């Protein structure tokens, strides 16, 4: 995991916690634990994708790595002219 992905996950966690605070105000403790488990599973899944990088990239002025990867020619092929 690189720094941009960690920043993206932290931002997603902050948004999820704010939404939980607003929507689950006054609920029992078991509901809060269940919501935290759902957030943990969701962020764990997103950590395996490029979604956190794409989320945090524009906010931290990072170049889009997916575009850079597709711009390179495949090994063994002639570059397009």
PDB file of N, CA and C in Angstrom:
ATOM      1  N   UNK A   1       0.840  -1.182   0.000  1.00  0.00           N
ATOM      2  CA  UNK A   1       0.000   0.000   0.000  1.00  0.00           C
ATOM      3  C   UNK A   1       0.883   1.241   0.000  1.00  0.00           C
ATOM      4  N   UNK A   2       0.544   2.163  -0.853  1.00  0.00           N
ATOM      5  CA  UNK A   2       1.292   3.409  -0.889  1.00  0.00           C
ATOM      6  C   UNK A   2       0.572   4.482  -0.078  1.00  0.00           C
ATOM      7  N   UNK A   3       1.223   5.627   0.033  1.00  0.00           N
ATOM      8  CA  UNK A   3       0.694   6.702   0.875  1.00  0.00           C
ATOM      9  C   UNK A   3      -0.639   7.230   0.358  1.00  0.00           C
ATOM     10  N   UNK A   4      -0.789   7.311  -0.946  1.00  0.00           N
ATOM     11  CA  UNK A   4      -2.028   7.838  -1.518  1.00  0.00           C
ATOM     12  C   UNK A   4      -3.204   6.917  -1.209  1.00  0.00           C
ATOM     13  N   UNK A   5      -2.972   5.611  -1.242  1.00  0.00           N
ATOM     14  CA  UNK A   5      -4.049   4.674  -0.937  1.00  0.00           C
ATOM     15  C   UNK A   5      -4.431   4.760   0.540  1.00  0.00           C
ATOM     16  N   UNK A   6      -3.456   4.922   1.406  1.00  0.00           N
ATOM     17  CA  UNK A   6      -3.746   5.039   2.839  1.00  0.00           C
ATOM     18  C   UNK A   6      -4.526   6.325   3.120  1.00  0.00           C
ATOM     19  N   UNK A   7      -4.151   7.419   2.444  1.00  0.00           N
ATOM     20  CA  UNK A   7      -4.901   8.667   2.611  1.00  0.00           C
ATOM     21  C   UNK A   7      -6.339   8.510   2.127  1.00  0.00           C
ATOM     22  N   UNK A   8      -6.521   7.829   1.014  1.00  0.00           N
ATOM     23  CA  UNK A   8      -7.861   7.603   0.497  1.00  0.00           C
ATOM     24  C   UNK A   8      -8.702   6.769   1.447  1.00  0.00           C
ATOM     25  N   UNK A   9      -8.102   5.720   2.001  1.00  0.00           N
ATOM     26  CA  UNK A   9      -8.838   4.892   2.968  1.00  0.00           C
ATOM     27  C   UNK A   9      -9.183   5.683   4.226  1.00  0.00           C
ATOM     28  N   UNK A  10      -8.268   6.531   4.680  1.00  0.00           N
ATOM     29  CA  UNK A  10      -8.544   7.345   5.867  1.00  0.00           C
ATOM     30  C   UNK A  10      -9.682   8.325   5.593  1.00  0.00           C
ATOM     31  N   UNK A  11      -9.703   8.896   4.390  1.00  0.00           N
ATOM     32  CA  UNK A  11     -10.784   9.816   4.047  1.00  0.00           C
ATOM     33  C   UNK A  11     -12.117   9.077   3.971  1.00  0.00           C
ATOM     34  N   UNK A  12     -12.121   7.897   3.403  1.00  0.00           N
ATOM     35  CA  UNK A  12     -13.352   7.105   3.329  1.00  0.00           C
ATOM     36  C   UNK A  12     -13.824   6.713   4.721  1.00  0.00           C
ATOM     37  N   UNK A  13     -12.893   6.377   5.603  1.00  0.00           N
ATOM     38  CA  UNK A  13     -13.251   6.036   6.983  1.00  0.00           C
ATOM     39  C   UNK A  13     -13.876   7.238   7.687  1.00  0.00           C
ATOM     40  N   UNK A  14     -13.305   8.416   7.493  1.00  0.00           N
ATOM     41  CA  UNK A  14     -13.849   9.612   8.125  1.00  0.00           C
ATOM     42  C   UNK A  14     -15.270   9.885   7.636  1.00  0.00           C
ATOM     43  N   UNK A  15     -15.498   9.754   6.345  1.00  0.00           N
ATOM     44  CA  UNK A  15     -16.842   9.968   5.804  1.00  0.00           C
ATOM     45  C   UNK A  15     -17.817   8.945   6.372  1.00  0.00           C
ATOM     46  N   UNK A  16     -17.396   7.687   6.429  1.00  0.00           N
ATOM     47  CA  UNK A  16     -18.276   6.638   6.955  1.00  0.00           C
ATOM     48  C   UNK A  16     -18.610   6.885   8.424  1.00  0.00           C
ATOM     49  N   UNK A  17     -17.634   7.315   9.212  1.00  0.00           N
ATOM     50  CA  UNK A  17     -17.900   7.570  10.633  1.00  0.00           C
ATOM     51  C   UNK A  17     -18.836   8.760  10.823  1.00  0.00           C
ATOM     52  N   UNK A  18     -18.676   9.785  10.010  1.00  0.00           N
ATOM     53  CA  UNK A  18     -19.587  10.935  10.110  1.00  0.00           C
ATOM     54  C   UNK A  18     -21.009  10.520   9.761  1.00  0.00           C
ATOM     55  N   UNK A  19     -21.163   9.738   8.712  1.00  0.00           N
ATOM     56  CA  UNK A  19     -22.495   9.260   8.324  1.00  0.00           C
ATOM     57  C   UNK A  19     -23.078   8.392   9.433  1.00  0.00           C
ATOM     58  N   UNK A  20     -22.244   7.540  10.039  1.00  0.00           N
ATOM     59  CA  UNK A  20     -22.721   6.699  11.134  1.00  0.00           C
ATOM     60  C   UNK A  20     -23.185   7.555  12.312  1.00  0.00           C
ATOM     61  N   UNK A  21     -22.415   8.588  12.648  1.00  0.00           N
ATOM     62  CA  UNK A  21     -22.798   9.448  13.769  1.00  0.00           C
ATOM     63  C   UNK A  21     -24.145  10.113  13.531  1.00  0.00           C
ATOM     64  N   UNK A  22     -24.381  10.519  12.292  1.00  0.00           N
ATOM     65  CA  UNK A  22     -25.641  11.209  11.978  1.00  0.00           C
ATOM     66  C   UNK A  22     -26.811  10.228  11.954  1.00  0.00           C
ATOM     67  N   UNK A  23     -26.641   9.109  11.277  1.00  0.00           N
ATOM     68  CA  UNK A  23     -27.752   8.182  11.074  1.00  0.00           C
ATOM     69  C   UNK A  23     -28.041   7.274  12.267  1.00  0.00           C
ATOM     70  N   UNK A  24     -27.024   6.950  13.040  1.00  0.00           N
ATOM     71  CA  UNK A  24     -27.205   5.986  14.125  1.00  0.00           C
ATOM     72  C   UNK A  24     -27.252   6.626  15.507  1.00  0.00           C
ATOM     73  N   UNK A  25     -27.540   7.925  15.554  1.00  0.00           N
ATOM     74  CA  UNK A  25     -27.627   8.606  16.837  1.00  0.00           C
ATOM     75  C   UNK A  25     -28.761   7.996  17.661  1.00  0.00           C
ATOM     76  N   UNK A  26     -28.463   7.606  18.873  1.00  0.00           N
ATOM     77  CA  UNK A  26     -29.479   7.064  19.775  1.00  0.00           C
ATOM     78  C   UNK A  26     -29.720   5.567  19.637  1.00  0.00           C
ATOM     79  N   UNK A  27     -28.965   4.894  18.802  1.00  0.00           N
ATOM     80  CA  UNK A  27     -29.159   3.453  18.630  1.00  0.00           C
ATOM     81  C   UNK A  27     -28.392   2.676  19.709  1.00  0.00           C
ATOM     82  N   UNK A  28     -28.729   1.422  19.833  1.00  0.00           N
ATOM     83  CA  UNK A  28     -28.070   0.569  20.813  1.00  0.00           C
ATOM     84  C   UNK A  28     -26.637   0.265  20.372  1.00  0.00           C
ATOM     85  N   UNK A  29     -25.839  -0.179  21.335  1.00  0.00           N
ATOM     86  CA  UNK A  29     -24.429  -0.441  21.089  1.00  0.00           C
ATOM     87  C   UNK A  29     -24.211  -1.538  20.054  1.00  0.00           C
ATOM     88  N   UNK A  30     -25.068  -2.540  20.019  1.00  0.00           N
ATOM     89  CA  UNK A  30     -24.914  -3.633  19.058  1.00  0.00           C
ATOM     90  C   UNK A  30     -25.037  -3.133  17.618  1.00  0.00           C
ATOM     91  N   UNK A  31     -25.907  -2.174  17.390  1.00  0.00           N
ATOM     92  CA  UNK A  31     -26.065  -1.595  16.056  1.00  0.00           C
ATOM     93  C   UNK A  31     -24.782  -0.880  15.647  1.00  0.00           C
ATOM     94  N   UNK A  32     -24.166  -0.144  16.588  1.00  0.00           N
ATOM     95  CA  UNK A  32     -22.910   0.551  16.304  1.00  0.00           C
ATOM     96  C   UNK A  32     -21.806  -0.441  15.963  1.00  0.00           C
ATOM     97  N   UNK A  33     -21.715  -1.525  16.727  1.00  0.00           N
ATOM     98  CA  UNK A  33     -20.685  -2.530  16.452  1.00  0.00           C
ATOM     99  C   UNK A  33     -20.896  -3.176  15.086  1.00  0.00           C
ATOM    100  N   UNK A  34     -22.136  -3.440  14.745  1.00  0.00           N
ATOM    101  CA  UNK A  34     -22.440  -4.028  13.444  1.00  0.00           C
ATOM    102  C   UNK A  34     -22.059  -3.058  12.321  1.00  0.00           C
ATOM    103  N   UNK A  35     -22.379  -1.782  12.495  1.00  0.00           N
ATOM    104  CA  UNK A  35     -22.024  -0.779  11.483  1.00  0.00           C
ATOM    105  C   UNK A  35     -20.507  -0.653  11.356  1.00  0.00           C
ATOM    106  N   UNK A  36     -19.785  -0.690  12.455  1.00  0.00           N
ATOM    107  CA  UNK A  36     -18.322  -0.645  12.397  1.00  0.00           C
ATOM    108  C   UNK A  36     -17.762  -1.866  11.675  1.00  0.00           C
ATOM    109  N   UNK A  37     -18.355  -3.025  11.902  1.00  0.00           N
ATOM    110  CA  UNK A  37     -17.911  -4.231  11.206  1.00  0.00           C
ATOM    111  C   UNK A  37     -18.157  -4.106   9.706  1.00  0.00           C
ATOM    112  N   UNK A  38     -19.302  -3.551   9.325  1.00  0.00           N
ATOM    113  CA  UNK A  38     -19.589  -3.349   7.904  1.00  0.00           C
ATOM    114  C   UNK A  38     -18.595  -2.377   7.265  1.00  0.00           C
ATOM    115  N   UNK A  39     -18.262  -1.319   7.980  1.00  0.00           N
ATOM    116  CA  UNK A  39     -17.287  -0.354   7.461  1.00  0.00           C
ATOM    117  C   UNK A  39     -15.915  -1.014   7.328  1.00  0.00           C
ATOM    118  N   UNK A  40     -15.525  -1.808   8.318  1.00  0.00           N
ATOM    119  CA  UNK A  40     -14.222  -2.473   8.258  1.00  0.00           C
ATOM    120  C   UNK A  40     -14.139  -3.437   7.075  1.00  0.00           C
ATOM    121  N   UNK A  41     -15.193  -4.207   6.851  1.00  0.00           N
ATOM    122  CA  UNK A  41     -15.200  -5.134   5.710  1.00  0.00           C
ATOM    123  C   UNK A  41     -15.177  -4.362   4.399  1.00  0.00           C
ATOM    124  N   UNK A  42     -15.951  -3.302   4.310  1.00  0.00           N
ATOM    125  CA  UNK A  42     -15.989  -2.503   3.086  1.00  0.00           C
ATOM    126  C   UNK A  42     -14.655  -1.853   2.779  1.00  0.00           C
ATOM    127  N   UNK A  43     -14.007  -1.291   3.787  1.00  0.00           N
ATOM    128  CA  UNK A  43     -12.700  -0.674   3.568  1.00  0.00           C
ATOM    129  C   UNK A  43     -11.630  -1.725   3.276  1.00  0.00           C
ATOM    130  N   UNK A  44     -11.764  -2.890   3.861  1.00  0.00           N
ATOM    131  CA  UNK A  44     -10.833  -3.973   3.545  1.00  0.00           C
ATOM    132  C   UNK A  44     -10.939  -4.399   2.098  1.00  0.00           C
ATOM    133  N   UNK A  45     -12.159  -4.453   1.590  1.00  0.00           N
ATOM    134  CA  UNK A  45     -12.342  -4.776   0.178  1.00  0.00           C
ATOM    135  C   UNK A  45     -11.782  -3.660  -0.703  1.00  0.00           C
ATOM    136  N   UNK A  46     -12.086  -2.414  -0.367  1.00  0.00           N
ATOM    137  CA  UNK A  46     -11.608  -1.297  -1.174  1.00  0.00           C
ATOM    138  C   UNK A  46     -10.092  -1.167  -1.153  1.00  0.00           C
ATOM    139  N   UNK A  47      -9.452  -1.656  -0.100  1.00  0.00           N
ATOM    140  CA  UNK A  47      -7.991  -1.609  -0.038  1.00  0.00           C
ATOM    141  C   UNK A  47      -7.356  -2.494  -1.104  1.00  0.00           C
ATOM    142  N   UNK A  48      -8.092  -3.452  -1.627  1.00  0.00           N
ATOM    143  CA  UNK A  48      -7.558  -4.336  -2.672  1.00  0.00           C
ATOM    144  C   UNK A  48      -7.783  -3.774  -4.071  1.00  0.00           C
ATOM    145  N   UNK A  49      -8.448  -2.630  -4.177  1.00  0.00           N
ATOM    146  CA  UNK A  49      -8.734  -2.023  -5.476  1.00  0.00           C
ATOM    147  C   UNK A  49      -8.011  -0.682  -5.588  1.00  0.00           C
ATOM    148  N   UNK A  50      -8.194   0.005  -6.702  1.00  0.00           N
ATOM    149  CA  UNK A  50      -7.613   1.332  -6.895  1.00  0.00           C
ATOM    150  C   UNK A  50      -8.552   2.445  -6.468  1.00  0.00           C
ATOM    151  N   UNK A  51      -9.682   2.118  -5.883  1.00  0.00           N
ATOM    152  CA  UNK A  51     -10.669   3.128  -5.513  1.00  0.00           C
ATOM    153  C   UNK A  51     -10.121   4.180  -4.544  1.00  0.00           C
ATOM    154  N   UNK A  52      -9.371   3.816  -3.496  1.00  0.00           N
ATOM    155  CA  UNK A  52      -8.858   4.869  -2.602  1.00  0.00           C
ATOM    156  C   UNK A  52      -7.905   5.831  -3.308  1.00  0.00           C
ATOM    157  N   UNK A  53      -7.093   5.316  -4.231  1.00  0.00           N
ATOM    158  CA  UNK A  53      -6.186   6.195  -4.980  1.00  0.00           C
ATOM    159  C   UNK A  53      -6.971   7.162  -5.861  1.00  0.00           C
ATOM    160  N   UNK A  54      -8.014   6.660  -6.506  1.00  0.00           N
ATOM    161  CA  UNK A  54      -8.822   7.514  -7.366  1.00  0.00           C
ATOM    162  C   UNK A  54      -9.606   8.539  -6.548  1.00  0.00           C
ATOM    163  N   UNK A  55      -9.965   8.189  -5.339  1.00  0.00           N
ATOM    164  CA  UNK A  55     -10.708   9.086  -4.456  1.00  0.00           C
ATOM    165  C   UNK A  55      -9.806  10.199  -3.922  1.00  0.00           C
ATOM    166  N   UNK A  56      -8.594   9.846  -3.511  1.00  0.00           N
ATOM    167  CA  UNK A  56      -7.688  10.816  -2.905  1.00  0.00           C
ATOM    168  C   UNK A  56      -6.818  11.526  -3.927  1.00  0.00           C
ATOM    169  N   UNK A  57      -6.670  10.993  -5.116  1.00  0.00           N
ATOM    170  CA  UNK A  57      -5.786  11.571  -6.123  1.00  0.00           C
ATOM    171  C   UNK A  57      -6.082  13.015  -6.461  1.00  0.00           C
ATOM    172  N   UNK A  58      -7.315  13.360  -6.829  1.00  0.00           N
ATOM    173  CA  UNK A  58      -7.597  14.761  -7.171  1.00  0.00           C
ATOM    174  C   UNK A  58      -7.427  15.724  -5.991  1.00  0.00           C
ATOM    175  N   UNK A  59      -7.650  15.254  -4.781  1.00  0.00           N
ATOM    176  CA  UNK A  59      -7.535  16.131  -3.624  1.00  0.00           C
ATOM    177  C   UNK A  59      -6.086  16.429  -3.258  1.00  0.00           C
ATOM    178  N   UNK A  60      -5.193  15.514  -3.595  1.00  0.00           N
ATOM    179  CA  UNK A  60      -3.777  15.689  -3.272  1.00  0.00           C
ATOM    180  C   UNK A  60      -2.935  15.923  -4.518  1.00  0.00           C
ATOM    181  N   UNK A  61      -3.559  16.244  -5.640  1.00  0.00           N
ATOM    182  CA  UNK A  61      -2.884  16.551  -6.902  1.00  0.00           C
ATOM    183  C   UNK A  61      -1.918  15.452  -7.337  1.00  0.00           C
ATOM    184  N   UNK A  62      -2.328  14.219  -7.173  1.00  0.00           N
ATOM    185  CA  UNK A  62      -1.500  13.097  -7.600  1.00  0.00           C
ATOM    186  C   UNK A  62      -1.882  12.709  -9.023  1.00  0.00           C
ATOM    187  N   UNK A  63      -0.920  12.314  -9.844  1.00  0.00           N
ATOM    188  CA  UNK A  63      -1.255  11.876 -11.205  1.00  0.00           C
ATOM    189  C   UNK A  63      -2.014  10.566 -11.176  1.00  0.00           C
ATOM    190  N   UNK A  64      -2.868  10.384 -12.146  1.00  0.00           N
ATOM    191  CA  UNK A  64      -3.649   9.160 -12.241  1.00  0.00           C
ATOM    192  C   UNK A  64      -2.753   8.036 -12.740  1.00  0.00           C
ATOM    193  N   UNK A  65      -2.500   7.040 -11.894  1.00  0.00           N
ATOM    194  CA  UNK A  65      -1.594   5.957 -12.255  1.00  0.00           C
ATOM    195  C   UNK A  65      -2.202   5.022 -13.277  1.00  0.00           C
ATOM    196  N   UNK A  66      -3.521   4.892 -13.298  1.00  0.00           N
ATOM    197  CA  UNK A  66      -4.161   3.987 -14.254  1.00  0.00           C
ATOM    198  C   UNK A  66      -3.960   4.495 -15.676  1.00  0.00           C
ATOM    199  N   UNK A  67      -4.005   5.798 -15.878  1.00  0.00           N
ATOM    200  CA  UNK A  67      -3.800   6.356 -17.210  1.00  0.00           C
ATOM    201  C   UNK A  67      -2.350   6.148 -17.640  1.00  0.00           C
ATOM    202  N   UNK A  68      -1.401   6.322 -16.714  1.00  0.00           N
ATOM    203  CA  UNK A  68       0.000   6.129 -17.052  1.00  0.00           C
ATOM    204  C   UNK A  68       0.280   4.687 -17.462  1.00  0.00           C
ATOM    205  N   UNK A  69      -0.375   3.727 -16.817  1.00  0.00           N
ATOM    206  CA  UNK A  69      -0.160   2.321 -17.132  1.00  0.00           C
ATOM    207  C   UNK A  69      -0.674   1.972 -18.520  1.00  0.00           C
ATOM    208  N   UNK A  70      -1.806   2.527 -18.928  1.00  0.00           N
ATOM    209  CA  UNK A  70      -2.378   2.175 -20.224  1.00  0.00           C
ATOM    210  C   UNK A  70      -1.681   2.898 -21.368  1.00  0.00           C
ATOM    211  N   UNK A  71      -0.950   3.970 -21.057  1.00  0.00           N
ATOM    212  CA  UNK A  71      -0.280   4.723 -22.114  1.00  0.00           C
ATOM    213  C   UNK A  71       0.969   4.006 -22.615  1.00  0.00           C
ATOM    214  N   UNK A  72       1.498   3.075 -21.837  1.00  0.00           N
ATOM    215  CA  UNK A  72       2.704   2.351 -22.235  1.00  0.00           C
ATOM    216  C   UNK A  72       2.338   1.247 -23.222  1.00  0.00           C
ATOM    217  N   UNK A  73       3.149   1.053 -24.266  1.00  0.00           N
ATOM    218  CA  UNK A  73       2.883  -0.056 -25.186  1.00  0.00           C
ATOM    219  C   UNK A  73       3.168  -1.394 -24.507  1.00  0.00           C
ATOM    220  N   UNK A  74       2.484  -2.403 -24.966  1.00  0.00           N
ATOM    221  CA  UNK A  74       2.684  -3.741 -24.426  1.00  0.00           C
ATOM    222  C   UNK A  74       4.082  -4.237 -24.805  1.00  0.00           C
ATOM    223  N   UNK A  75       4.708  -5.042 -23.951  1.00  0.00           N
ATOM    224  CA  UNK A  75       6.042  -5.548 -24.274  1.00  0.00           C
ATOM    225  C   UNK A  75       6.014  -6.399 -25.552  1.00  0.00           C
ATOM    226  N   UNK A  76       6.979  -6.175 -26.399  1.00  0.00           N
ATOM    227  CA  UNK A  76       7.073  -6.960 -27.630  1.00  0.00           C
ATOM    228  C   UNK A  76       6.292  -6.398 -28.784  1.00  0.00           C
ATOM    229  N   UNK A  77       5.645  -5.245 -28.609  1.00  0.00           N
ATOM    230  CA  UNK A  77       4.878  -4.645 -29.703  1.00  0.00           C
ATOM    231  C   UNK A  77       5.529  -3.338 -30.110  1.00  0.00           C
ATOM    232  N   UNK A  78       5.333  -2.967 -31.330  1.00  0.00           N
ATOM    233  CA  UNK A  78       5.891  -1.718 -31.828  1.00  0.00           C
ATOM    234  C   UNK A  78       5.045  -0.550 -31.325  1.00  0.00           C
ATOM    235  N   UNK A  79       5.689   0.550 -30.955  1.00  0.00           N
ATOM    236  CA  UNK A  79       4.892   1.695 -30.497  1.00  0.00           C
ATOM    237  C   UNK A  79       4.087   2.290 -31.620  1.00  0.00           C
ATOM    238  N   UNK A  80       2.900   2.794 -31.275  1.00  0.00           N
ATOM    239  CA  UNK A  80       2.020   3.391 -32.290  1.00  0.00           C
ATOM    240  C   UNK A  80       2.586   4.721 -32.753  1.00  0.00           C
ATOM    241  N   UNK A  81       2.453   4.975 -34.068  1.00  0.00           N
ATOM    242  CA  UNK A  81       2.979   6.228 -34.607  1.00  0.00           C
ATOM    243  C   UNK A  81       1.932   6.987 -35.326  1.00  0.00           C
TER     244      UNK A  81
END
